[in-house]
Amino acid sequence: MQTKLTLRLDDRLISGAKEYAKGAGKSLSQIVAEYFTALLSPAPKPFAATPGVSALRGILKDRDVGGERDYRDYLEKKHS
């Protein structure tokens, strides 16, 4: 069942929201419904690394692996 909802908003905000909805090819009601749905949805679970990725974590700690300067030198050489 759908129920009508009245919102009191600034005219410029409404105008901008209507333009956004038009650009997205949706109605303003669809945009608001999608936003409310996102608000009420449970937060996504944190990323869980696979065992292989977890094993690599920290492997380069305290090692000199070059840096931005080495990468710039590589790009200059590659594109020269």
PDB file of N, CA and C in Angstrom:
ATOM      1  N   MET A   1       0.832  -1.179   0.000  1.00  0.00           N
ATOM      2  CA  MET A   1       0.000   0.000   0.000  1.00  0.00           C
ATOM      3  C   MET A   1       0.877   1.242   0.000  1.00  0.00           C
ATOM      4  N   GLN A   2       0.571   2.175  -0.842  1.00  0.00           N
ATOM      5  CA  GLN A   2       1.322   3.421  -0.886  1.00  0.00           C
ATOM      6  C   GLN A   2       0.512   4.521  -0.214  1.00  0.00           C
ATOM      7  N   THR A   3       1.213   5.365   0.536  1.00  0.00           N
ATOM      8  CA  THR A   3       0.585   6.458   1.252  1.00  0.00           C
ATOM      9  C   THR A   3       1.229   7.760   0.823  1.00  0.00           C
ATOM     10  N   LYS A   4       0.438   8.782   0.715  1.00  0.00           N
ATOM     11  CA  LYS A   4       0.925  10.101   0.327  1.00  0.00           C
ATOM     12  C   LYS A   4       1.669  10.734   1.505  1.00  0.00           C
ATOM     13  N   LEU A   5       2.780  11.414   1.199  1.00  0.00           N
ATOM     14  CA  LEU A   5       3.596  12.073   2.210  1.00  0.00           C
ATOM     15  C   LEU A   5       3.796  13.523   1.800  1.00  0.00           C
ATOM     16  N   THR A   6       3.591  14.434   2.721  1.00  0.00           N
ATOM     17  CA  THR A   6       3.799  15.850   2.437  1.00  0.00           C
ATOM     18  C   THR A   6       5.069  16.303   3.140  1.00  0.00           C
ATOM     19  N   LEU A   7       5.954  16.922   2.383  1.00  0.00           N
ATOM     20  CA  LEU A   7       7.200  17.457   2.944  1.00  0.00           C
ATOM     21  C   LEU A   7       7.237  18.962   2.729  1.00  0.00           C
ATOM     22  N   ARG A   8       7.741  19.683   3.685  1.00  0.00           N
ATOM     23  CA  ARG A   8       7.907  21.123   3.551  1.00  0.00           C
ATOM     24  C   ARG A   8       9.409  21.401   3.434  1.00  0.00           C
ATOM     25  N   LEU A   9       9.803  21.836   2.244  1.00  0.00           N
ATOM     26  CA  LEU A   9      11.211  22.070   1.952  1.00  0.00           C
ATOM     27  C   LEU A   9      11.386  23.407   1.249  1.00  0.00           C
ATOM     28  N   ASP A  10      12.596  23.903   1.266  1.00  0.00           N
ATOM     29  CA  ASP A  10      12.936  25.137   0.574  1.00  0.00           C
ATOM     30  C   ASP A  10      12.677  24.981  -0.932  1.00  0.00           C
ATOM     31  N   ASP A  11      12.149  26.037  -1.553  1.00  0.00           N
ATOM     32  CA  ASP A  11      11.817  25.983  -2.982  1.00  0.00           C
ATOM     33  C   ASP A  11      13.017  25.607  -3.849  1.00  0.00           C
ATOM     34  N   ARG A  12      14.196  26.151  -3.524  1.00  0.00           N
ATOM     35  CA  ARG A  12      15.392  25.840  -4.323  1.00  0.00           C
ATOM     36  C   ARG A  12      15.775  24.373  -4.182  1.00  0.00           C
ATOM     37  N   LEU A  13      15.602  23.840  -2.985  1.00  0.00           N
ATOM     38  CA  LEU A  13      15.916  22.426  -2.766  1.00  0.00           C
ATOM     39  C   LEU A  13      14.980  21.544  -3.595  1.00  0.00           C
ATOM     40  N   ILE A  14      13.713  21.875  -3.593  1.00  0.00           N
ATOM     41  CA  ILE A  14      12.739  21.100  -4.374  1.00  0.00           C
ATOM     42  C   ILE A  14      13.059  21.191  -5.857  1.00  0.00           C
ATOM     43  N   SER A  15      13.361  22.391  -6.322  1.00  0.00           N
ATOM     44  CA  SER A  15      13.684  22.577  -7.737  1.00  0.00           C
ATOM     45  C   SER A  15      14.912  21.764  -8.132  1.00  0.00           C
ATOM     46  N   GLY A  16      15.947  21.814  -7.301  1.00  0.00           N
ATOM     47  CA  GLY A  16      17.161  21.042  -7.576  1.00  0.00           C
ATOM     48  C   GLY A  16      16.907  19.552  -7.541  1.00  0.00           C
ATOM     49  N   ALA A  17      16.080  19.100  -6.613  1.00  0.00           N
ATOM     50  CA  ALA A  17      15.766  17.671  -6.513  1.00  0.00           C
ATOM     51  C   ALA A  17      14.987  17.205  -7.734  1.00  0.00           C
ATOM     52  N   LYS A  18      14.081  18.042  -8.217  1.00  0.00           N
ATOM     53  CA  LYS A  18      13.318  17.682  -9.416  1.00  0.00           C
ATOM     54  C   LYS A  18      14.237  17.576 -10.631  1.00  0.00           C
ATOM     55  N   GLU A  19      15.186  18.493 -10.749  1.00  0.00           N
ATOM     56  CA  GLU A  19      16.146  18.438 -11.855  1.00  0.00           C
ATOM     57  C   GLU A  19      16.995  17.176 -11.764  1.00  0.00           C
ATOM     58  N   TYR A  20      17.437  16.851 -10.561  1.00  0.00           N
ATOM     59  CA  TYR A  20      18.234  15.645 -10.360  1.00  0.00           C
ATOM     60  C   TYR A  20      17.445  14.406 -10.791  1.00  0.00           C
ATOM     61  N   ALA A  21      16.186  14.336 -10.335  1.00  0.00           N
ATOM     62  CA  ALA A  21      15.344  13.189 -10.673  1.00  0.00           C
ATOM     63  C   ALA A  21      15.132  13.098 -12.178  1.00  0.00           C
ATOM     64  N   LYS A  22      14.900  14.232 -12.803  1.00  0.00           N
ATOM     65  CA  LYS A  22      14.704  14.245 -14.254  1.00  0.00           C
ATOM     66  C   LYS A  22      15.959  13.734 -14.961  1.00  0.00           C
ATOM     67  N   GLY A  23      17.123  14.209 -14.525  1.00  0.00           N
ATOM     68  CA  GLY A  23      18.382  13.767 -15.117  1.00  0.00           C
ATOM     69  C   GLY A  23      18.634  12.281 -14.911  1.00  0.00           C
ATOM     70  N   ALA A  24      18.111  11.747 -13.817  1.00  0.00           N
ATOM     71  CA  ALA A  24      18.285  10.324 -13.519  1.00  0.00           C
ATOM     72  C   ALA A  24      17.195   9.477 -14.178  1.00  0.00           C
ATOM     73  N   GLY A  25      16.228  10.141 -14.830  1.00  0.00           N
ATOM     74  CA  GLY A  25      15.149   9.407 -15.489  1.00  0.00           C
ATOM     75  C   GLY A  25      14.179   8.773 -14.504  1.00  0.00           C
ATOM     76  N   LYS A  26      14.016   9.410 -13.342  1.00  0.00           N
ATOM     77  CA  LYS A  26      13.137   8.877 -12.305  1.00  0.00           C
ATOM     78  C   LYS A  26      12.217   9.985 -11.807  1.00  0.00           C
ATOM     79  N   SER A  27      11.192   9.583 -11.107  1.00  0.00           N
ATOM     80  CA  SER A  27      10.331  10.575 -10.469  1.00  0.00           C
ATOM     81  C   SER A  27      10.962  10.971  -9.137  1.00  0.00           C
ATOM     82  N   LEU A  28      10.552  12.119  -8.642  1.00  0.00           N
ATOM     83  CA  LEU A  28      11.057  12.562  -7.348  1.00  0.00           C
ATOM     84  C   LEU A  28      10.624  11.583  -6.259  1.00  0.00           C
ATOM     85  N   SER A  29       9.430  11.033  -6.395  1.00  0.00           N
ATOM     86  CA  SER A  29       8.958  10.037  -5.426  1.00  0.00           C
ATOM     87  C   SER A  29       9.865   8.806  -5.419  1.00  0.00           C
ATOM     88  N   GLN A  30      10.309   8.372  -6.601  1.00  0.00           N
ATOM     89  CA  GLN A  30      11.218   7.220  -6.672  1.00  0.00           C
ATOM     90  C   GLN A  30      12.542   7.532  -5.981  1.00  0.00           C
ATOM     91  N   ILE A  31      13.058   8.736  -6.217  1.00  0.00           N
ATOM     92  CA  ILE A  31      14.331   9.140  -5.602  1.00  0.00           C
ATOM     93  C   ILE A  31      14.206   9.127  -4.080  1.00  0.00           C
ATOM     94  N   VAL A  32      13.121   9.709  -3.558  1.00  0.00           N
ATOM     95  CA  VAL A  32      12.914   9.764  -2.100  1.00  0.00           C
ATOM     96  C   VAL A  32      12.732   8.352  -1.545  1.00  0.00           C
ATOM     97  N   ALA A  33      11.967   7.514  -2.237  1.00  0.00           N
ATOM     98  CA  ALA A  33      11.749   6.142  -1.770  1.00  0.00           C
ATOM     99  C   ALA A  33      13.067   5.363  -1.727  1.00  0.00           C
ATOM    100  N   GLU A  34      13.897   5.531  -2.745  1.00  0.00           N
ATOM    101  CA  GLU A  34      15.197   4.849  -2.762  1.00  0.00           C
ATOM    102  C   GLU A  34      16.083   5.330  -1.623  1.00  0.00           C
ATOM    103  N   TYR A  35      16.027   6.620  -1.335  1.00  0.00           N
ATOM    104  CA  TYR A  35      16.839   7.171  -0.237  1.00  0.00           C
ATOM    105  C   TYR A  35      16.364   6.600   1.098  1.00  0.00           C
ATOM    106  N   PHE A  36      15.051   6.585   1.320  1.00  0.00           N
ATOM    107  CA  PHE A  36      14.524   6.035   2.567  1.00  0.00           C
ATOM    108  C   PHE A  36      14.858   4.551   2.692  1.00  0.00           C
ATOM    109  N   THR A  37      14.786   3.834   1.591  1.00  0.00           N
ATOM    110  CA  THR A  37      15.135   2.412   1.596  1.00  0.00           C
ATOM    111  C   THR A  37      16.601   2.227   2.001  1.00  0.00           C
ATOM    112  N   ALA A  38      17.474   3.077   1.452  1.00  0.00           N
ATOM    113  CA  ALA A  38      18.898   2.999   1.801  1.00  0.00           C
ATOM    114  C   ALA A  38      19.113   3.314   3.277  1.00  0.00           C
ATOM    115  N   LEU A  39      18.371   4.284   3.808  1.00  0.00           N
ATOM    116  CA  LEU A  39      18.497   4.630   5.227  1.00  0.00           C
ATOM    117  C   LEU A  39      18.095   3.470   6.131  1.00  0.00           C
ATOM    118  N   LEU A  40      17.088   2.735   5.712  1.00  0.00           N
ATOM    119  CA  LEU A  40      16.550   1.667   6.547  1.00  0.00           C
ATOM    120  C   LEU A  40      17.241   0.326   6.330  1.00  0.00           C
ATOM    121  N   SER A  41      18.054   0.217   5.311  1.00  0.00           N
ATOM    122  CA  SER A  41      18.761  -1.029   5.032  1.00  0.00           C
ATOM    123  C   SER A  41      19.885  -1.223   6.040  1.00  0.00           C
ATOM    124  N   PRO A  42      20.139  -2.455   6.401  1.00  0.00           N
ATOM    125  CA  PRO A  42      21.260  -2.697   7.325  1.00  0.00           C
ATOM    126  C   PRO A  42      22.580  -2.294   6.673  1.00  0.00           C
ATOM    127  N   ALA A  43      23.489  -1.841   7.491  1.00  0.00           N
ATOM    128  CA  ALA A  43      24.811  -1.439   6.995  1.00  0.00           C
ATOM    129  C   ALA A  43      25.514  -2.649   6.393  1.00  0.00           C
ATOM    130  N   PRO A  44      26.241  -2.448   5.301  1.00  0.00           N
ATOM    131  CA  PRO A  44      26.966  -3.582   4.709  1.00  0.00           C
ATOM    132  C   PRO A  44      28.003  -4.124   5.690  1.00  0.00           C
ATOM    133  N   LYS A  45      28.193  -5.412   5.613  1.00  0.00           N
ATOM    134  CA  LYS A  45      29.183  -6.040   6.485  1.00  0.00           C
ATOM    135  C   LYS A  45      30.579  -5.592   6.069  1.00  0.00           C
ATOM    136  N   PRO A  46      31.459  -5.434   7.038  1.00  0.00           N
ATOM    137  CA  PRO A  46      32.835  -5.048   6.687  1.00  0.00           C
ATOM    138  C   PRO A  46      33.479  -6.086   5.776  1.00  0.00           C
ATOM    139  N   PHE A  47      34.388  -5.629   4.949  1.00  0.00           N
ATOM    140  CA  PHE A  47      35.100  -6.495   4.022  1.00  0.00           C
ATOM    141  C   PHE A  47      35.906  -7.525   4.808  1.00  0.00           C
ATOM    142  N   ALA A  48      35.760  -8.753   4.437  1.00  0.00           N
ATOM    143  CA  ALA A  48      36.539  -9.822   5.063  1.00  0.00           C
ATOM    144  C   ALA A  48      37.550 -10.321   4.039  1.00  0.00           C
ATOM    145  N   ALA A  49      38.813 -10.142   4.352  1.00  0.00           N
ATOM    146  CA  ALA A  49      39.877 -10.568   3.452  1.00  0.00           C
ATOM    147  C   ALA A  49      39.960 -12.091   3.424  1.00  0.00           C
ATOM    148  N   THR A  50      40.305 -12.614   2.260  1.00  0.00           N
ATOM    149  CA  THR A  50      40.492 -14.056   2.132  1.00  0.00           C
ATOM    150  C   THR A  50      41.770 -14.451   2.868  1.00  0.00           C
ATOM    151  N   PRO A  51      41.939 -15.720   3.190  1.00  0.00           N
ATOM    152  CA  PRO A  51      43.158 -16.145   3.887  1.00  0.00           C
ATOM    153  C   PRO A  51      44.434 -15.788   3.124  1.00  0.00           C
ATOM    154  N   GLY A  52      44.381 -15.873   1.801  1.00  0.00           N
ATOM    155  CA  GLY A  52      45.566 -15.529   1.008  1.00  0.00           C
ATOM    156  C   GLY A  52      45.937 -14.062   1.142  1.00  0.00           C
ATOM    157  N   VAL A  53      44.938 -13.195   1.119  1.00  0.00           N
ATOM    158  CA  VAL A  53      45.189 -11.762   1.274  1.00  0.00           C
ATOM    159  C   VAL A  53      45.656 -11.468   2.701  1.00  0.00           C
ATOM    160  N   SER A  54      45.035 -12.095   3.666  1.00  0.00           N
ATOM    161  CA  SER A  54      45.430 -11.896   5.058  1.00  0.00           C
ATOM    162  C   SER A  54      46.888 -12.282   5.288  1.00  0.00           C
ATOM    163  N   ALA A  55      47.341 -13.326   4.605  1.00  0.00           N
ATOM    164  CA  ALA A  55      48.727 -13.779   4.761  1.00  0.00           C
ATOM    165  C   ALA A  55      49.711 -12.741   4.236  1.00  0.00           C
ATOM    166  N   LEU A  56      49.283 -11.904   3.287  1.00  0.00           N
ATOM    167  CA  LEU A  56      50.168 -10.888   2.716  1.00  0.00           C
ATOM    168  C   LEU A  56      50.229  -9.611   3.553  1.00  0.00           C
ATOM    169  N   ARG A  57      49.259  -9.443   4.447  1.00  0.00           N
ATOM    170  CA  ARG A  57      49.198  -8.230   5.239  1.00  0.00           C
ATOM    171  C   ARG A  57      50.461  -8.065   6.075  1.00  0.00           C
ATOM    172  N   GLY A  58      51.130  -6.915   5.910  1.00  0.00           N
ATOM    173  CA  GLY A  58      52.318  -6.596   6.676  1.00  0.00           C
ATOM    174  C   GLY A  58      53.604  -7.190   6.158  1.00  0.00           C
ATOM    175  N   ILE A  59      53.559  -7.871   5.023  1.00  0.00           N
ATOM    176  CA  ILE A  59      54.741  -8.564   4.520  1.00  0.00           C
ATOM    177  C   ILE A  59      55.868  -7.601   4.138  1.00  0.00           C
ATOM    178  N   LEU A  60      55.521  -6.377   3.753  1.00  0.00           N
ATOM    179  CA  LEU A  60      56.536  -5.402   3.351  1.00  0.00           C
ATOM    180  C   LEU A  60      56.861  -4.385   4.444  1.00  0.00           C
ATOM    181  N   LYS A  61      56.385  -4.636   5.640  1.00  0.00           N
ATOM    182  CA  LYS A  61      56.630  -3.724   6.751  1.00  0.00           C
ATOM    183  C   LYS A  61      58.136  -3.589   6.990  1.00  0.00           C
ATOM    184  N   ASP A  62      58.558  -2.356   7.196  1.00  0.00           N
ATOM    185  CA  ASP A  62      59.972  -2.034   7.466  1.00  0.00           C
ATOM    186  C   ASP A  62      60.899  -2.417   6.322  1.00  0.00           C
ATOM    187  N   ARG A  63      60.404  -2.426   5.105  1.00  0.00           N
ATOM    188  CA  ARG A  63      61.235  -2.716   3.937  1.00  0.00           C
ATOM    189  C   ARG A  63      61.265  -1.493   3.044  1.00  0.00           C
ATOM    190  N   ASP A  64      62.366  -1.284   2.372  1.00  0.00           N
ATOM    191  CA  ASP A  64      62.478  -0.186   1.433  1.00  0.00           C
ATOM    192  C   ASP A  64      61.977  -0.675   0.086  1.00  0.00           C
ATOM    193  N   VAL A  65      60.787  -0.255  -0.286  1.00  0.00           N
ATOM    194  CA  VAL A  65      60.178  -0.726  -1.528  1.00  0.00           C
ATOM    195  C   VAL A  65      60.131   0.371  -2.581  1.00  0.00           C
ATOM    196  N   GLY A  66      61.012   1.326  -2.483  1.00  0.00           N
ATOM    197  CA  GLY A  66      61.016   2.418  -3.446  1.00  0.00           C
ATOM    198  C   GLY A  66      60.026   3.468  -3.012  1.00  0.00           C
ATOM    199  N   GLY A  67      59.427   4.080  -3.949  1.00  0.00           N
ATOM    200  CA  GLY A  67      58.461   5.103  -3.590  1.00  0.00           C
ATOM    201  C   GLY A  67      58.017   5.864  -4.811  1.00  0.00           C
ATOM    202  N   GLU A  68      57.497   7.025  -4.565  1.00  0.00           N
ATOM    203  CA  GLU A  68      56.952   7.836  -5.646  1.00  0.00           C
ATOM    204  C   GLU A  68      58.030   8.214  -6.652  1.00  0.00           C
ATOM    205  N   ARG A  69      59.211   8.542  -6.188  1.00  0.00           N
ATOM    206  CA  ARG A  69      60.295   8.940  -7.099  1.00  0.00           C
ATOM    207  C   ARG A  69      60.664   7.798  -8.044  1.00  0.00           C
ATOM    208  N   ASP A  70      60.752   6.575  -7.520  1.00  0.00           N
ATOM    209  CA  ASP A  70      61.058   5.420  -8.369  1.00  0.00           C
ATOM    210  C   ASP A  70      59.975   5.215  -9.428  1.00  0.00           C
ATOM    211  N   TYR A  71      58.735   5.407  -9.044  1.00  0.00           N
ATOM    212  CA  TYR A  71      57.638   5.237  -9.978  1.00  0.00           C
ATOM    213  C   TYR A  71      57.677   6.317 -11.055  1.00  0.00           C
ATOM    214  N   ARG A  72      57.976   7.551 -10.681  1.00  0.00           N
ATOM    215  CA  ARG A  72      58.089   8.622 -11.669  1.00  0.00           C
ATOM    216  C   ARG A  72      59.227   8.338 -12.651  1.00  0.00           C
ATOM    217  N   ASP A  73      60.352   7.872 -12.117  1.00  0.00           N
ATOM    218  CA  ASP A  73      61.477   7.516 -12.993  1.00  0.00           C
ATOM    219  C   ASP A  73      61.069   6.419 -13.971  1.00  0.00           C
ATOM    220  N   TYR A  74      60.341   5.423 -13.492  1.00  0.00           N
ATOM    221  CA  TYR A  74      59.884   4.331 -14.342  1.00  0.00           C
ATOM    222  C   TYR A  74      58.975   4.873 -15.448  1.00  0.00           C
ATOM    223  N   LEU A  75      58.037   5.745 -15.088  1.00  0.00           N
ATOM    224  CA  LEU A  75      57.113   6.293 -16.088  1.00  0.00           C
ATOM    225  C   LEU A  75      57.844   7.157 -17.123  1.00  0.00           C
ATOM    226  N   GLU A  76      58.798   7.950 -16.646  1.00  0.00           N
ATOM    227  CA  GLU A  76      59.569   8.776 -17.577  1.00  0.00           C
ATOM    228  C   GLU A  76      60.324   7.888 -18.573  1.00  0.00           C
ATOM    229  N   LYS A  77      60.953   6.840 -18.095  1.00  0.00           N
ATOM    230  CA  LYS A  77      61.693   5.922 -18.942  1.00  0.00           C
ATOM    231  C   LYS A  77      60.753   5.210 -19.927  1.00  0.00           C
ATOM    232  N   LYS A  78      59.602   4.772 -19.426  1.00  0.00           N
ATOM    233  CA  LYS A  78      58.651   4.047 -20.236  1.00  0.00           C
ATOM    234  C   LYS A  78      58.091   4.911 -21.357  1.00  0.00           C
ATOM    235  N   HIS A  79      57.832   6.176 -21.079  1.00  0.00           N
ATOM    236  CA  HIS A  79      57.162   7.042 -22.049  1.00  0.00           C
ATOM    237  C   HIS A  79      58.124   7.989 -22.780  1.00  0.00           C
ATOM    238  N   SER A  80      59.397   7.727 -22.679  1.00  0.00           N
ATOM    239  CA  SER A  80      60.388   8.570 -23.382  1.00  0.00           C
ATOM    240  C   SER A  80      60.661   8.046 -24.769  1.00  0.00           C
TER     241      SER A  80
END
